[in-house]
PDB file of N, CA and C in Angstrom:
ATOM      1  N   MET A   1      -0.835-106.136  93.159  1.00  0.00           N
ATOM      2  CA  MET A   1       0.288-105.337  93.763  1.00  0.00           C
ATOM      3  C   MET A   1       0.582-103.980  93.742  1.00  0.00           C
ATOM      4  N   VAL A   2       1.101-103.337  94.896  1.00  0.00           N
ATOM      5  CA  VAL A   2       1.359-102.167  95.159  1.00  0.00           C
ATOM      6  C   VAL A   2       2.941-102.192  94.573  1.00  0.00           C
ATOM      7  N   HIS A   3       3.554-101.367  94.162  1.00  0.00           N
ATOM      8  CA  HIS A   3       5.163-101.055  94.217  1.00  0.00           C
ATOM      9  C   HIS A   3       5.049 -99.728  94.732  1.00  0.00           C
ATOM     10  N   VAL A   4       6.177 -99.954  96.043  1.00  0.00           N
ATOM     11  CA  VAL A   4       6.755 -98.747  97.008  1.00  0.00           C
ATOM     12  C   VAL A   4       7.725 -98.702  96.268  1.00  0.00           C
ATOM     13  N   PRO A   5       8.021 -96.946  96.352  1.00  0.00           N
ATOM     14  CA  PRO A   5       8.588 -96.552  95.836  1.00  0.00           C
ATOM     15  C   PRO A   5      10.229 -96.339  96.348  1.00  0.00           C
ATOM     16  N   THR A   6      10.841 -96.293  95.978  1.00  0.00           N
ATOM     17  CA  THR A   6      12.492 -96.320  96.577  1.00  0.00           C
ATOM     18  C   THR A   6      12.395 -95.171  97.115  1.00  0.00           C
ATOM     19  N   PRO A   7      13.512 -94.585  98.224  1.00  0.00           N
ATOM     20  CA  PRO A   7      13.764 -93.715  98.973  1.00  0.00           C
ATOM     21  C   PRO A   7      13.921 -92.548  97.628  1.00  0.00           C
ATOM     22  N   GLU A   8      14.749 -92.956  96.539  1.00  0.00           N
ATOM     23  CA  GLU A   8      15.177 -91.874  95.701  1.00  0.00           C
ATOM     24  C   GLU A   8      14.292 -91.661  94.891  1.00  0.00           C
ATOM     25  N   GLU A   9      13.418 -92.725  95.026  1.00  0.00           N
ATOM     26  CA  GLU A   9      12.220 -92.000  93.660  1.00  0.00           C
ATOM     27  C   GLU A   9      10.974 -91.337  94.403  1.00  0.00           C
ATOM     28  N   GLU A  10      11.262 -91.686  95.757  1.00  0.00           N
ATOM     29  CA  GLU A  10      10.129 -90.710  96.518  1.00  0.00           C
ATOM     30  C   GLU A  10      10.366 -89.298  96.690  1.00  0.00           C
ATOM     31  N   ASP A  11      11.559 -88.988  96.751  1.00  0.00           N
ATOM     32  CA  ASP A  11      12.405 -88.033  96.695  1.00  0.00           C
ATOM     33  C   ASP A  11      12.208 -87.086  95.540  1.00  0.00           C
ATOM     34  N   ARG A  12      12.523 -88.021  94.572  1.00  0.00           N
ATOM     35  CA  ARG A  12      12.419 -86.953  93.018  1.00  0.00           C
ATOM     36  C   ARG A  12      11.061 -86.703  92.864  1.00  0.00           C
ATOM     37  N   ARG A  13       9.846 -87.112  93.536  1.00  0.00           N
ATOM     38  CA  ARG A  13       8.430 -86.837  93.417  1.00  0.00           C
ATOM     39  C   ARG A  13       8.197 -85.846  94.279  1.00  0.00           C
ATOM     40  N   ARG A  14       9.160 -85.406  95.455  1.00  0.00           N
ATOM     41  CA  ARG A  14       8.852 -84.320  96.546  1.00  0.00           C
ATOM     42  C   ARG A  14       9.032 -83.095  95.551  1.00  0.00           C
ATOM     43  N   VAL A  15      10.244 -83.104  94.710  1.00  0.00           N
ATOM     44  CA  VAL A  15      10.038 -81.556  94.011  1.00  0.00           C
ATOM     45  C   VAL A  15       8.868 -81.541  93.150  1.00  0.00           C
ATOM     46  N   CYS A  16       7.738 -82.308  92.495  1.00  0.00           N
ATOM     47  CA  CYS A  16       6.888 -81.772  91.846  1.00  0.00           C
ATOM     48  C   CYS A  16       5.569 -81.282  92.967  1.00  0.00           C
ATOM     49  N   ARG A  17       5.387 -82.167  94.242  1.00  0.00           N
ATOM     50  CA  ARG A  17       4.257 -81.703  95.059  1.00  0.00           C
ATOM     51  C   ARG A  17       5.145 -80.393  95.871  1.00  0.00           C
ATOM     52  N   GLU A  18       6.398 -80.334  95.864  1.00  0.00           N
ATOM     53  CA  GLU A  18       6.524 -78.526  96.759  1.00  0.00           C
ATOM     54  C   GLU A  18       6.143 -77.638  95.557  1.00  0.00           C
ATOM     55  N   LEU A  19       6.380 -77.901  94.282  1.00  0.00           N
ATOM     56  CA  LEU A  19       6.039 -76.862  93.205  1.00  0.00           C
ATOM     57  C   LEU A  19       4.929 -76.945  93.211  1.00  0.00           C
ATOM     58  N   LYS A  20       3.934 -78.061  93.042  1.00  0.00           N
ATOM     59  CA  LYS A  20       2.217 -77.557  93.600  1.00  0.00           C
ATOM     60  C   LYS A  20       2.093 -76.833  94.298  1.00  0.00           C
ATOM     61  N   SER A  21       2.700 -77.078  95.746  1.00  0.00           N
ATOM     62  CA  SER A  21       2.438 -76.678  96.785  1.00  0.00           C
ATOM     63  C   SER A  21       2.781 -74.530  96.961  1.00  0.00           C
ATOM     64  N   LEU A  22       3.934 -74.807  96.279  1.00  0.00           N
ATOM     65  CA  LEU A  22       3.900 -73.529  95.749  1.00  0.00           C
ATOM     66  C   LEU A  22       2.955 -72.205  95.274  1.00  0.00           C
ATOM     67  N   ILE A  23       2.952 -72.954  94.001  1.00  0.00           N
ATOM     68  CA  ILE A  23       2.069 -72.347  93.405  1.00  0.00           C
ATOM     69  C   ILE A  23       0.669 -72.004  93.910  1.00  0.00           C
ATOM     70  N   GLY A  24       0.160 -73.170  94.547  1.00  0.00           N
ATOM     71  CA  GLY A  24      -1.040 -72.746  95.108  1.00  0.00           C
ATOM     72  C   GLY A  24      -1.135 -71.734  96.349  1.00  0.00           C
ATOM     73  N   GLU A  25       0.268 -71.927  96.958  1.00  0.00           N
ATOM     74  CA  GLU A  25       0.192 -70.524  98.054  1.00  0.00           C
ATOM     75  C   GLU A  25       0.458 -69.095  97.302  1.00  0.00           C
ATOM     76  N   ARG A  26       0.732 -69.053  96.548  1.00  0.00           N
ATOM     77  CA  ARG A  26       1.221 -67.578  95.508  1.00  0.00           C
ATOM     78  C   ARG A  26      -0.526 -67.531  94.970  1.00  0.00           C
ATOM     79  N   ILE A  27      -1.186 -68.796  94.677  1.00  0.00           N
ATOM     80  CA  ILE A  27      -2.373 -68.057  93.739  1.00  0.00           C
ATOM     81  C   ILE A  27      -3.433 -67.417  95.222  1.00  0.00           C
ATOM     82  N   ARG A  28      -3.276 -67.921  96.304  1.00  0.00           N
ATOM     83  CA  ARG A  28      -4.093 -67.545  97.386  1.00  0.00           C
ATOM     84  C   ARG A  28      -3.226 -65.875  98.028  1.00  0.00           C
ATOM     85  N   HIS A  29      -1.992 -65.568  97.583  1.00  0.00           N
ATOM     86  CA  HIS A  29      -1.981 -64.508  98.176  1.00  0.00           C
ATOM     87  C   HIS A  29      -2.264 -63.531  97.115  1.00  0.00           C
ATOM     88  N   VAL A  30      -2.264 -64.085  95.771  1.00  0.00           N
ATOM     89  CA  VAL A  30      -2.726 -62.970  94.693  1.00  0.00           C
ATOM     90  C   VAL A  30      -4.066 -62.734  94.994  1.00  0.00           C
ATOM     91  N   ASN A  31      -5.283 -63.783  95.194  1.00  0.00           N
ATOM     92  CA  ASN A  31      -6.401 -63.830  95.480  1.00  0.00           C
ATOM     93  C   ASN A  31      -6.606 -62.717  96.746  1.00  0.00           C
ATOM     94  N   ARG A  32      -5.541 -62.691  97.824  1.00  0.00           N
ATOM     95  CA  ARG A  32      -6.046 -62.106  98.798  1.00  0.00           C
ATOM     96  C   ARG A  32      -5.754 -60.781  98.120  1.00  0.00           C
ATOM     97  N   VAL A  33      -4.715 -60.490  97.380  1.00  0.00           N
ATOM     98  CA  VAL A  33      -4.352 -58.908  97.155  1.00  0.00           C
ATOM     99  C   VAL A  33      -5.524 -58.569  96.431  1.00  0.00           C
ATOM    100  N   LYS A  34      -6.145 -59.191  95.235  1.00  0.00           N
ATOM    101  CA  LYS A  34      -7.650 -58.708  94.296  1.00  0.00           C
ATOM    102  C   LYS A  34      -8.667 -58.551  95.108  1.00  0.00           C
ATOM    103  N   GLY A  35      -8.591 -59.907  96.439  1.00  0.00           N
ATOM    104  CA  GLY A  35     -10.082 -59.626  96.985  1.00  0.00           C
ATOM    105  C   GLY A  35      -9.891 -58.112  97.839  1.00  0.00           C
ATOM    106  N   VAL A  36      -8.444 -57.880  98.602  1.00  0.00           N
ATOM    107  CA  VAL A  36      -9.004 -56.511  99.643  1.00  0.00           C
ATOM    108  C   VAL A  36      -9.133 -55.346  98.615  1.00  0.00           C
ATOM    109  N   LEU A  37      -8.554 -55.459  97.118  1.00  0.00           N
ATOM    110  CA  LEU A  37      -8.811 -54.334  96.789  1.00  0.00           C
ATOM    111  C   LEU A  37      -9.719 -53.981  96.060  1.00  0.00           C
ATOM    112  N   PHE A  38     -10.447 -54.959  95.476  1.00  0.00           N
ATOM    113  CA  PHE A  38     -11.971 -55.529  94.970  1.00  0.00           C
ATOM    114  C   PHE A  38     -12.696 -54.675  95.962  1.00  0.00           C
ATOM    115  N   ALA A  39     -12.789 -55.245  97.273  1.00  0.00           N
ATOM    116  CA  ALA A  39     -13.410 -54.513  98.585  1.00  0.00           C
ATOM    117  C   ALA A  39     -13.627 -52.957  98.471  1.00  0.00           C
ATOM    118  N   GLN A  40     -12.256 -52.206  97.877  1.00  0.00           N
ATOM    119  CA  GLN A  40     -12.737 -51.042  97.552  1.00  0.00           C
ATOM    120  C   GLN A  40     -12.702 -50.386  96.667  1.00  0.00           C
ATOM    121  N   GLY A  41     -13.480 -51.026  95.787  1.00  0.00           N
ATOM    122  CA  GLY A  41     -13.334 -50.615  93.965  1.00  0.00           C
ATOM    123  C   GLY A  41     -12.776 -50.672  92.927  1.00  0.00           C
ATOM    124  N   ILE A  42     -11.746 -51.555  93.790  1.00  0.00           N
ATOM    125  CA  ILE A  42     -10.194 -51.548  92.317  1.00  0.00           C
ATOM    126  C   ILE A  42     -10.358 -52.993  92.023  1.00  0.00           C
ATOM    127  N   GLY A  43     -10.800 -53.435  90.652  1.00  0.00           N
ATOM    128  CA  GLY A  43     -11.233 -54.603  90.139  1.00  0.00           C
ATOM    129  C   GLY A  43      -9.447 -54.895  88.831  1.00  0.00           C
ATOM    130  N   ASP A  44      -9.393 -53.645  88.649  1.00  0.00           N
ATOM    131  CA  ASP A  44      -8.534 -53.806  87.519  1.00  0.00           C
ATOM    132  C   ASP A  44      -6.609 -53.954  87.947  1.00  0.00           C
ATOM    133  N   TYR A  45      -6.518 -54.328  89.042  1.00  0.00           N
ATOM    134  CA  TYR A  45      -4.914 -54.726  89.919  1.00  0.00           C
ATOM    135  C   TYR A  45      -4.646 -56.051  89.330  1.00  0.00           C
ATOM    136  N   GLU A  46      -2.873 -56.362  89.107  1.00  0.00           N
ATOM    137  CA  GLU A  46      -3.000 -57.484  88.788  1.00  0.00           C
ATOM    138  C   GLU A  46      -1.380 -57.895  89.278  1.00  0.00           C
ATOM    139  N   PRO A  47      -1.530 -58.172  90.473  1.00  0.00           N
ATOM    140  CA  PRO A  47      -0.508 -58.236  91.555  1.00  0.00           C
ATOM    141  C   PRO A  47       1.007 -58.984  91.119  1.00  0.00           C
ATOM    142  N   ARG A  48       0.462 -59.931  89.814  1.00  0.00           N
ATOM    143  CA  ARG A  48       1.686 -60.725  89.406  1.00  0.00           C
ATOM    144  C   ARG A  48       2.737 -59.843  88.174  1.00  0.00           C
ATOM    145  N   ASN A  49       1.850 -58.672  87.534  1.00  0.00           N
ATOM    146  CA  ASN A  49       2.417 -57.744  86.762  1.00  0.00           C
ATOM    147  C   ASN A  49       3.594 -57.084  87.030  1.00  0.00           C
ATOM    148  N   LYS A  50       4.660 -56.735  85.848  1.00  0.00           N
ATOM    149  CA  LYS A  50       5.555 -56.137  86.585  1.00  0.00           C
ATOM    150  C   LYS A  50       5.468 -55.007  86.952  1.00  0.00           C
ATOM    151  N   ASP A  51       4.661 -54.266  86.429  1.00  0.00           N
ATOM    152  CA  ASP A  51       4.961 -52.955  86.939  1.00  0.00           C
ATOM    153  C   ASP A  51       3.646 -52.854  88.426  1.00  0.00           C
ATOM    154  N   ARG A  52       3.689 -53.945  89.395  1.00  0.00           N
ATOM    155  CA  ARG A  52       3.196 -53.760  89.970  1.00  0.00           C
ATOM    156  C   ARG A  52       2.696 -53.091  90.963  1.00  0.00           C
ATOM    157  N   GLN A  53       3.849 -52.293  91.359  1.00  0.00           N
ATOM    158  CA  GLN A  53       4.488 -51.493  92.515  1.00  0.00           C
ATOM    159  C   GLN A  53       4.492 -49.766  92.106  1.00  0.00           C
ATOM    160  N   ARG A  54       4.116 -50.158  91.013  1.00  0.00           N
ATOM    161  CA  ARG A  54       4.234 -48.570  90.123  1.00  0.00           C
ATOM    162  C   ARG A  54       2.630 -48.500  90.230  1.00  0.00           C
ATOM    163  N   ARG A  55       2.017 -49.341  89.874  1.00  0.00           N
ATOM    164  CA  ARG A  55       0.498 -49.149  89.784  1.00  0.00           C
ATOM    165  C   ARG A  55       0.362 -49.154  90.870  1.00  0.00           C
ATOM    166  N   LEU A  56       0.277 -49.776  91.894  1.00  0.00           N
ATOM    167  CA  LEU A  56       0.031 -49.759  93.332  1.00  0.00           C
ATOM    168  C   LEU A  56      -0.086 -47.965  93.755  1.00  0.00           C
ATOM    169  N   GLU A  57       1.185 -47.365  93.275  1.00  0.00           N
ATOM    170  CA  GLU A  57       1.034 -46.049  93.630  1.00  0.00           C
ATOM    171  C   GLU A  57       0.114 -45.368  92.738  1.00  0.00           C
ATOM    172  N   GLU A  58      -0.444 -45.904  91.759  1.00  0.00           N
ATOM    173  CA  GLU A  58      -1.367 -44.674  91.059  1.00  0.00           C
ATOM    174  C   GLU A  58      -2.770 -44.945  91.316  1.00  0.00           C
ATOM    175  N   LEU A  59      -3.194 -46.191  92.428  1.00  0.00           N
ATOM    176  CA  LEU A  59      -4.348 -46.707  92.370  1.00  0.00           C
ATOM    177  C   LEU A  59      -5.086 -45.785  93.168  1.00  0.00           C
ATOM    178  N   ARG A  60      -6.597 -46.118  92.625  1.00  0.00           N
ATOM    179  CA  ARG A  60      -7.629 -44.830  93.552  1.00  0.00           C
ATOM    180  C   ARG A  60      -8.664 -45.683  93.602  1.00  0.00           C
ATOM    181  N   THR A  61      -9.362 -45.671  95.287  1.00  0.00           N
ATOM    182  CA  THR A  61     -10.144 -46.133  95.579  1.00  0.00           C
ATOM    183  C   THR A  61     -11.805 -46.509  94.491  1.00  0.00           C
ATOM    184  N   GLY A  62     -12.879 -46.836  94.138  1.00  0.00           N
ATOM    185  CA  GLY A  62     -13.753 -46.837  93.553  1.00  0.00           C
ATOM    186  C   GLY A  62     -14.655 -45.099  93.805  1.00  0.00           C
ATOM    187  N   ASP A  63     -14.376 -44.698  94.878  1.00  0.00           N
ATOM    188  CA  ASP A  63     -14.557 -42.927  95.623  1.00  0.00           C
ATOM    189  C   ASP A  63     -13.758 -42.231  94.716  1.00  0.00           C
ATOM    190  N   GLY A  64     -12.505 -42.432  94.502  1.00  0.00           N
ATOM    191  CA  GLY A  64     -11.239 -41.428  93.929  1.00  0.00           C
ATOM    192  C   GLY A  64     -10.257 -41.281  95.161  1.00  0.00           C
ATOM    193  N   ARG A  65     -10.594 -41.887  96.127  1.00  0.00           N
ATOM    194  CA  ARG A  65      -9.673 -41.682  97.201  1.00  0.00           C
ATOM    195  C   ARG A  65      -8.181 -42.578  96.978  1.00  0.00           C
ATOM    196  N   THR A  66      -7.336 -41.983  97.425  1.00  0.00           N
ATOM    197  CA  THR A  66      -5.728 -42.985  97.360  1.00  0.00           C
ATOM    198  C   THR A  66      -5.794 -43.778  98.512  1.00  0.00           C
ATOM    199  N   LEU A  67      -5.193 -44.919  98.443  1.00  0.00           N
ATOM    200  CA  LEU A  67      -5.485 -46.177  99.375  1.00  0.00           C
ATOM    201  C   LEU A  67      -4.730 -45.654 100.589  1.00  0.00           C
ATOM    202  N   LEU A  68      -5.582 -46.051 101.638  1.00  0.00           N
ATOM    203  CA  LEU A  68      -5.080 -45.732 103.232  1.00  0.00           C
ATOM    204  C   LEU A  68      -3.850 -46.278 103.550  1.00  0.00           C
ATOM    205  N   HIS A  69      -2.903 -45.641 104.445  1.00  0.00           N
ATOM    206  CA  HIS A  69      -1.869 -46.149 104.999  1.00  0.00           C
ATOM    207  C   HIS A  69      -2.086 -47.712 105.001  1.00  0.00           C
ATOM    208  N   HIS A  70      -2.723 -48.596 106.031  1.00  0.00           N
ATOM    209  CA  HIS A  70      -2.829 -50.040 106.648  1.00  0.00           C
ATOM    210  C   HIS A  70      -3.047 -50.596 105.639  1.00  0.00           C
ATOM    211  N   LEU A  71      -3.816 -50.579 104.407  1.00  0.00           N
ATOM    212  CA  LEU A  71      -4.515 -51.300 103.208  1.00  0.00           C
ATOM    213  C   LEU A  71      -3.355 -51.131 102.242  1.00  0.00           C
ATOM    214  N   LYS A  72      -2.389 -50.036 101.619  1.00  0.00           N
ATOM    215  CA  LYS A  72      -1.370 -50.278 101.263  1.00  0.00           C
ATOM    216  C   LYS A  72      -0.345 -51.248 101.903  1.00  0.00           C
ATOM    217  N   ALA A  73       0.003 -50.887 103.105  1.00  0.00           N
ATOM    218  CA  ALA A  73       0.941 -52.095 103.897  1.00  0.00           C
ATOM    219  C   ALA A  73       0.972 -53.172 103.550  1.00  0.00           C
ATOM    220  N   LEU A  74      -0.354 -53.717 103.634  1.00  0.00           N
ATOM    221  CA  LEU A  74      -1.024 -54.928 103.931  1.00  0.00           C
ATOM    222  C   LEU A  74      -0.506 -55.466 102.521  1.00  0.00           C
ATOM    223  N   VAL A  75      -0.944 -54.678 101.500  1.00  0.00           N
ATOM    224  CA  VAL A  75      -0.709 -55.126  99.804  1.00  0.00           C
ATOM    225  C   VAL A  75       0.934 -54.721  99.605  1.00  0.00           C
ATOM    226  N   LEU A  76       1.330 -54.188 100.232  1.00  0.00           N
ATOM    227  CA  LEU A  76       2.914 -54.578 100.085  1.00  0.00           C
ATOM    228  C   LEU A  76       3.661 -55.330 100.908  1.00  0.00           C
ATOM    229  N   ARG A  77       2.689 -55.738 101.733  1.00  0.00           N
ATOM    230  CA  ARG A  77       3.780 -57.324 102.371  1.00  0.00           C
ATOM    231  C   ARG A  77       3.384 -58.567 101.374  1.00  0.00           C
ATOM    232  N   GLU A  78       1.963 -58.565 100.909  1.00  0.00           N
ATOM    233  CA  GLU A  78       1.405 -59.527 100.414  1.00  0.00           C
ATOM    234  C   GLU A  78       2.320 -59.753  98.870  1.00  0.00           C
ATOM    235  N   LEU A  79       2.568 -58.023  98.242  1.00  0.00           N
ATOM    236  CA  LEU A  79       3.485 -58.462  96.944  1.00  0.00           C
ATOM    237  C   LEU A  79       4.924 -58.638  97.470  1.00  0.00           C
ATOM    238  N   ASP A  80       5.615 -58.569  98.589  1.00  0.00           N
ATOM    239  CA  ASP A  80       6.734 -59.218  99.151  1.00  0.00           C
ATOM    240  C   ASP A  80       6.701 -60.517  98.981  1.00  0.00           C
ATOM    241  N   ILE A  81       5.508 -61.215  99.581  1.00  0.00           N
ATOM    242  CA  ILE A  81       5.430 -62.670  99.942  1.00  0.00           C
ATOM    243  C   ILE A  81       5.296 -63.302  98.279  1.00  0.00           C
ATOM    244  N   ILE A  82       4.476 -62.438  97.258  1.00  0.00           N
ATOM    245  CA  ILE A  82       4.249 -63.210  96.420  1.00  0.00           C
ATOM    246  C   ILE A  82       5.718 -63.252  95.292  1.00  0.00           C
ATOM    247  N   GLU A  83       6.630 -62.000  95.329  1.00  0.00           N
ATOM    248  CA  GLU A  83       7.790 -62.059  95.084  1.00  0.00           C
ATOM    249  C   GLU A  83       8.527 -63.402  95.584  1.00  0.00           C
ATOM    250  N   LEU A  84       8.824 -63.577  96.449  1.00  0.00           N
ATOM    251  CA  LEU A  84       9.353 -64.767  97.347  1.00  0.00           C
ATOM    252  C   LEU A  84       8.765 -65.902  96.844  1.00  0.00           C
ATOM    253  N   LEU A  85       7.741 -66.127  96.489  1.00  0.00           N
ATOM    254  CA  LEU A  85       7.046 -67.280  95.957  1.00  0.00           C
ATOM    255  C   LEU A  85       7.472 -67.110  94.301  1.00  0.00           C
ATOM    256  N   LYS A  86       7.687 -66.129  94.002  1.00  0.00           N
ATOM    257  CA  LYS A  86       8.038 -66.592  92.490  1.00  0.00           C
ATOM    258  C   LYS A  86       9.513 -66.932  92.493  1.00  0.00           C
ATOM    259  N   ARG A  87      10.524 -66.378  93.225  1.00  0.00           N
ATOM    260  CA  ARG A  87      11.853 -66.580  93.148  1.00  0.00           C
ATOM    261  C   ARG A  87      12.040 -67.938  93.571  1.00  0.00           C
ATOM    262  N   GLN A  88      10.944 -68.997  94.699  1.00  0.00           N
ATOM    263  CA  GLN A  88      11.317 -70.132  95.075  1.00  0.00           C
ATOM    264  C   GLN A  88      10.805 -71.176  93.829  1.00  0.00           C
ATOM    265  N   ILE A  89       9.511 -70.642  93.450  1.00  0.00           N
ATOM    266  CA  ILE A  89       9.106 -71.421  92.018  1.00  0.00           C
ATOM    267  C   ILE A  89      10.021 -71.505  90.981  1.00  0.00           C
ATOM    268  N   GLU A  90      10.811 -70.715  90.737  1.00  0.00           N
ATOM    269  CA  GLU A  90      11.854 -70.400  89.520  1.00  0.00           C
ATOM    270  C   GLU A  90      12.765 -71.782  89.924  1.00  0.00           C
ATOM    271  N   THR A  91      13.136 -72.003  91.281  1.00  0.00           N
ATOM    272  CA  THR A  91      14.447 -72.167  91.613  1.00  0.00           C
ATOM    273  C   THR A  91      13.694 -73.596  91.879  1.00  0.00           C
ATOM    274  N   VAL A  92      12.538 -73.969  92.221  1.00  0.00           N
ATOM    275  CA  VAL A  92      11.888 -75.691  92.027  1.00  0.00           C
ATOM    276  C   VAL A  92      11.820 -76.407  90.639  1.00  0.00           C
ATOM    277  N   LYS A  93      11.451 -75.264  89.779  1.00  0.00           N
ATOM    278  CA  LYS A  93      11.388 -75.597  88.171  1.00  0.00           C
ATOM    279  C   LYS A  93      12.641 -75.769  87.919  1.00  0.00           C
ATOM    280  N   MET A  94      13.722 -75.396  87.822  1.00  0.00           N
ATOM    281  CA  MET A  94      14.958 -75.801  87.731  1.00  0.00           C
ATOM    282  C   MET A  94      15.306 -76.894  88.269  1.00  0.00           C
ATOM    283  N   GLU A  95      15.260 -77.208  89.376  1.00  0.00           N
ATOM    284  CA  GLU A  95      15.319 -78.701  90.167  1.00  0.00           C
ATOM    285  C   GLU A  95      14.790 -79.346  89.235  1.00  0.00           C
ATOM    286  N   ARG A  96      13.464 -79.429  89.086  1.00  0.00           N
ATOM    287  CA  ARG A  96      12.107 -80.033  88.544  1.00  0.00           C
ATOM    288  C   ARG A  96      13.162 -80.620  87.076  1.00  0.00           C
ATOM    289  N   ASP A  97      13.431 -79.938  86.361  1.00  0.00           N
ATOM    290  CA  ASP A  97      14.073 -79.090  84.665  1.00  0.00           C
ATOM    291  C   ASP A  97      15.102 -80.515  84.674  1.00  0.00           C
ATOM    292  N   ALA A  98      16.318 -80.090  85.605  1.00  0.00           N
ATOM    293  CA  ALA A  98      17.175 -80.985  85.950  1.00  0.00           C
ATOM    294  C   ALA A  98      17.288 -82.651  86.087  1.00  0.00           C
ATOM    295  N   LEU A  99      16.228 -82.685  86.802  1.00  0.00           N
ATOM    296  CA  LEU A  99      15.451 -83.925  87.385  1.00  0.00           C
ATOM    297  C   LEU A  99      14.969 -84.686  85.643  1.00  0.00           C
ATOM    298  N   LEU A 100      14.285 -84.063  85.260  1.00  0.00           N
ATOM    299  CA  LEU A 100      13.851 -84.312  84.080  1.00  0.00           C
ATOM    300  C   LEU A 100      15.071 -85.015  82.600  1.00  0.00           C
ATOM    301  N   ALA A 101      16.181 -83.798  82.743  1.00  0.00           N
ATOM    302  CA  ALA A 101      16.961 -83.835  81.688  1.00  0.00           C
ATOM    303  C   ALA A 101      18.010 -85.027  82.341  1.00  0.00           C
ATOM    304  N   GLU A 102      17.724 -85.272  83.238  1.00  0.00           N
ATOM    305  CA  GLU A 102      18.825 -86.824  83.824  1.00  0.00           C
ATOM    306  C   GLU A 102      18.260 -88.045  83.473  1.00  0.00           C
ATOM    307  N   MET A 103      16.951 -88.266  83.179  1.00  0.00           N
ATOM    308  CA  MET A 103      16.227 -89.143  82.757  1.00  0.00           C
ATOM    309  C   MET A 103      16.418 -89.666  81.003  1.00  0.00           C
TER     310      MET A 103
END
């Protein structure tokens, strides 16, 4: 026999589902940044590090050039998305922790 969750139980489950979705989205954006930069010969950039903005300014392609304007703009937009996702993940984690504390 299958137990049908109550609307309240289903609503609590939504928090974990959203967290999983946000983390997956963050991974996709991080991988996109790494992939775009790797295609330019840059393999040691970590988009989640605290010094990501400073490091972006210092990056050089495999042949020693600075990042071109549109490539850098693309990476900056992706970093903005990653930062937004980071804040959303922290918010959802706090909601999850509050639910766990109630139990």
